[in-house]
């Protein structure tokens, strides 16, 4: 595992969260927190960005358990619609 991926754990904070899933090139990490939101960080110039919330649709009320498919072209997750 690269040093950059190992350092990702320093920006994924909180007591309860899912295991992170990484983009195929290792420059993005996604996870869900206890607030039922998917969070993400990006690797820029060797440093991870601050976590930010990912939003897919205003009609969905929560997102959980993100998983990036092996080809890196799709992300799957659980959600509740309104």
Protein backbone atom coordinates (compact mmCIF):
# COMPACT_ATOMS: atom_id res chain seq x y z
CA UNK A 1 0.00 0.00 0.00
CA UNK A 2 1.35 3.43 -0.87
CA UNK A 3 2.28 5.97 1.78
CA UNK A 4 -0.45 8.30 0.47
CA UNK A 5 -3.14 5.66 0.99
CA UNK A 6 -1.85 4.88 4.46
CA UNK A 7 -2.00 8.60 5.35
CA UNK A 8 -5.67 8.76 4.27
CA UNK A 9 -6.63 7.36 7.65
CA UNK A 10 -5.45 10.61 9.26
CA UNK A 11 -8.25 12.58 7.53
CA UNK A 12 -11.02 9.99 7.95
CA UNK A 13 -12.21 10.94 11.41
CA UNK A 14 -14.98 9.86 13.72
CA UNK A 15 -15.74 6.89 15.86
CA UNK A 16 -18.24 5.29 13.51
CA UNK A 17 -17.68 5.12 9.78
CA UNK A 18 -17.49 2.53 7.04
CA UNK A 19 -14.24 1.30 5.60
CA UNK A 20 -13.02 3.68 2.89
CA UNK A 21 -13.20 2.79 -0.77
CA UNK A 22 -10.57 4.22 -3.11
CA UNK A 23 -10.70 5.34 -6.72
CA UNK A 24 -8.77 3.18 -9.19
CA UNK A 25 -5.88 5.66 -9.29
CA UNK A 26 -5.82 6.03 -5.48
CA UNK A 27 -6.40 9.80 -5.50
CA UNK A 28 -9.90 9.79 -4.00
CA UNK A 29 -11.29 8.05 -0.92
CA UNK A 30 -14.98 7.73 0.00
CA UNK A 31 -16.68 6.49 3.18
CA UNK A 32 -19.95 7.01 5.02
CA UNK A 33 -20.17 8.47 8.48
CA UNK A 34 -22.65 7.93 11.29
CA UNK A 35 -24.73 10.82 9.92
CA UNK A 36 -25.61 8.65 6.88
CA UNK A 37 -23.61 10.81 4.49
CA UNK A 38 -20.87 9.87 2.05
CA UNK A 39 -17.70 11.83 2.62
CA UNK A 40 -14.68 12.13 0.34
CA UNK A 41 -11.13 13.39 0.23
CA UNK A 42 -8.79 14.00 -2.73
CA UNK A 43 -5.05 13.56 -2.89
CA UNK A 44 -3.50 16.76 -4.27
CA UNK A 45 0.28 17.22 -4.45
CA UNK A 46 0.82 14.39 -1.98
CA UNK A 47 -1.61 15.76 0.64
CA UNK A 48 -5.19 14.75 1.37
CA UNK A 49 -7.80 17.50 1.21
CA UNK A 50 -10.21 18.22 4.03
CA UNK A 51 -13.21 15.87 4.01
CA UNK A 52 -16.29 17.09 2.15
CA UNK A 53 -19.78 15.69 1.79
CA UNK A 54 -20.83 14.11 -1.52
CA UNK A 55 -24.34 14.82 -2.78
CA UNK A 56 -25.96 12.83 -5.58
CA UNK A 57 -29.57 14.04 -5.50
CA UNK A 58 -31.76 16.35 -3.44
CA UNK A 59 -34.41 13.60 -3.41
CA UNK A 60 -32.22 11.19 -1.42
CA UNK A 61 -32.17 11.52 2.34
CA UNK A 62 -29.17 9.40 3.25
CA UNK A 63 -26.29 7.58 1.64
CA UNK A 64 -24.42 4.62 3.07
CA UNK A 65 -21.72 2.08 2.34
CA UNK A 66 -20.05 3.41 -0.81
CA UNK A 67 -18.18 0.95 -2.99
CA UNK A 68 -16.25 1.73 -6.17
CA UNK A 69 -16.43 -1.06 -8.75
CA UNK A 70 -13.09 -2.66 -9.69
CA UNK A 71 -13.00 -0.88 -13.07
CA UNK A 72 -13.28 2.47 -11.30
CA UNK A 73 -16.12 3.72 -13.51
CA UNK A 74 -19.02 3.29 -11.08
CA UNK A 75 -19.79 3.85 -7.43
CA UNK A 76 -22.51 1.88 -5.72
CA UNK A 77 -24.13 2.85 -2.43
CA UNK A 78 -27.30 2.41 -0.36
CA UNK A 79 -29.75 5.29 -0.07
CA UNK A 80 -33.26 6.25 0.96
CA UNK A 81 -35.33 8.39 -1.38
CA UNK A 82 -38.07 10.72 -0.24
